[in-house]
Amino acid sequence: MNQLLDRKTPTAPARFTAKQGQYLAFIWAYTQINRRAPAEADFQRYFKVTAPSVHQMLKTLDQLGLIEKQPGVARSIQLLVAPHELPILGIDHPVIITATGH
C-alpha cells in the first residue's frame, strides 16, 4: 500500500477571517476591474460600513502582512495574498446545496 496516500496531511490554518477575506477579495476584484487600488470610500460603499471601520480593517490587514499600504499615498494598497487563496467575493459563508425529494 502507498504510504503517501495513507498519510493524513494537516490542513494549513486560515490566514484570515471570513470578513478579512471579503476585504481582500474586494481589493483584488476592484483592482482587476478599475486598474487601480480602491479608496477607503469604495470599501464604505460596497460593505456599507463606516469610515473608521474600513480604516481599522485596512490597518489590521496591513499589520497581518496581507496587504501593504504607503502612508499618506492615496490608492496605494497592494495585495500580498495570491488570488487563488482568496474567497469568492460576496460569499461570507459556504453555501450547502442539498437535493430535495420534490
Protein backbone atom coordinates (compact mmCIF):
# COMPACT_ATOMS: atom_id res chain seq x y z
CA MET A 1 0.00 0.00 0.00
CA ASN A 2 1.25 3.50 -0.80
CA GLN A 3 2.22 5.22 2.45
CA LEU A 4 1.88 8.68 0.90
CA LEU A 5 -1.80 8.06 0.20
CA ASP A 6 -2.41 6.74 3.71
CA ARG A 7 -0.77 9.72 5.39
CA LYS A 8 -3.21 12.39 6.54
CA THR A 9 -1.88 15.83 5.81
CA PRO A 10 -2.91 18.55 8.21
CA THR A 11 -4.71 21.47 6.67
CA ALA A 12 -3.00 24.83 6.85
CA PRO A 13 -4.54 27.22 9.36
CA ALA A 14 -6.60 30.04 7.94
CA ARG A 15 -4.52 33.13 7.34
CA PHE A 16 -7.51 35.44 7.67
CA THR A 17 -11.09 35.55 8.90
CA ALA A 18 -14.12 35.40 6.59
CA LYS A 19 -14.62 39.18 6.85
CA GLN A 20 -10.94 39.86 6.21
CA GLY A 21 -11.14 37.52 3.21
CA GLN A 22 -14.01 39.57 1.79
CA TYR A 23 -11.97 42.76 2.06
CA LEU A 24 -9.02 41.04 0.38
CA ALA A 25 -11.26 39.68 -2.39
CA PHE A 26 -12.72 43.16 -2.87
CA ILE A 27 -9.23 44.65 -3.26
CA TRP A 28 -8.38 42.05 -5.90
CA ALA A 29 -11.67 42.41 -7.83
CA TYR A 30 -11.70 46.22 -7.69
CA THR A 31 -8.10 46.35 -8.91
CA GLN A 32 -8.82 43.95 -11.78
CA ILE A 33 -11.81 45.99 -12.94
CA ASN A 34 -10.51 49.53 -12.38
CA ARG A 35 -6.76 49.01 -12.85
CA ARG A 36 -6.10 50.85 -9.58
CA ALA A 37 -6.50 50.09 -5.91
CA PRO A 38 -9.73 51.01 -4.13
CA ALA A 39 -10.01 54.09 -1.93
CA GLU A 40 -11.38 53.75 1.60
CA ALA A 41 -14.65 55.31 0.36
CA ASP A 42 -15.02 52.43 -2.12
CA PHE A 43 -14.93 49.95 0.77
CA GLN A 44 -17.51 52.03 2.65
CA ARG A 45 -19.93 51.95 -0.28
CA TYR A 46 -19.51 48.26 -1.03
CA PHE A 47 -19.60 46.92 2.54
CA LYS A 48 -21.99 49.60 3.86
CA VAL A 49 -19.74 50.36 6.84
CA THR A 50 -18.33 53.49 8.44
CA ALA A 51 -15.02 55.15 7.60
CA PRO A 52 -13.46 54.15 10.96
CA SER A 53 -14.45 50.50 10.35
CA VAL A 54 -12.75 50.47 6.96
CA HIS A 55 -9.67 52.22 8.30
CA GLN A 56 -9.33 49.74 11.18
CA MET A 57 -9.77 46.74 8.87
CA LEU A 58 -7.11 48.00 6.45
CA LYS A 59 -4.79 48.71 9.37
CA THR A 60 -5.33 45.14 10.63
CA LEU A 61 -4.74 43.61 7.19
CA ASP A 62 -1.54 45.63 6.91
CA GLN A 63 -0.34 44.51 10.36
CA LEU A 64 -1.05 40.88 9.45
CA GLY A 65 1.07 41.21 6.32
CA LEU A 66 -1.86 40.56 3.98
CA ILE A 67 -1.69 43.96 2.30
CA GLU A 68 0.84 46.76 2.07
CA LYS A 69 0.00 50.46 2.12
CA GLN A 70 2.13 53.54 1.72
CA PRO A 71 1.20 56.04 4.44
CA GLY A 72 -0.19 59.28 3.05
CA VAL A 73 -0.46 57.93 -0.52
CA ALA A 74 -3.99 57.52 -1.90
CA ARG A 75 -4.94 54.19 -3.50
CA SER A 76 -1.62 52.60 -2.55
CA ILE A 77 -2.99 49.26 -1.31
CA GLN A 78 -1.06 46.26 -2.61
CA LEU A 79 -2.45 42.78 -2.09
CA LEU A 80 0.12 40.32 -0.70
CA VAL A 81 -2.11 37.24 -0.96
CA ALA A 82 -2.18 35.09 -4.09
CA PRO A 83 -5.55 35.32 -5.92
CA HIS A 84 -6.12 31.55 -5.68
CA GLU A 85 -6.09 31.85 -1.86
CA LEU A 86 -8.93 34.39 -1.83
CA PRO A 87 -12.58 33.57 -1.19
CA ILE A 88 -15.29 34.40 -3.69
CA LEU A 89 -16.38 37.99 -3.22
CA GLY A 90 -19.85 38.29 -1.73
CA ILE A 91 -19.92 34.86 -0.10
CA ASP A 92 -19.27 35.12 3.62
CA HIS A 93 -20.11 31.53 4.42
CA PRO A 94 -20.02 28.36 2.34
CA VAL A 95 -23.32 27.53 0.70
CA ILE A 96 -24.55 23.98 1.15
CA ILE A 97 -26.95 22.82 -1.53
CA THR A 98 -28.97 19.71 -0.84
CA ALA A 99 -31.29 17.82 -3.12
CA THR A 100 -34.92 17.69 -2.07
CA GLY A 101 -37.28 14.88 -2.87
CA HIS A 102 -39.85 17.17 -4.54
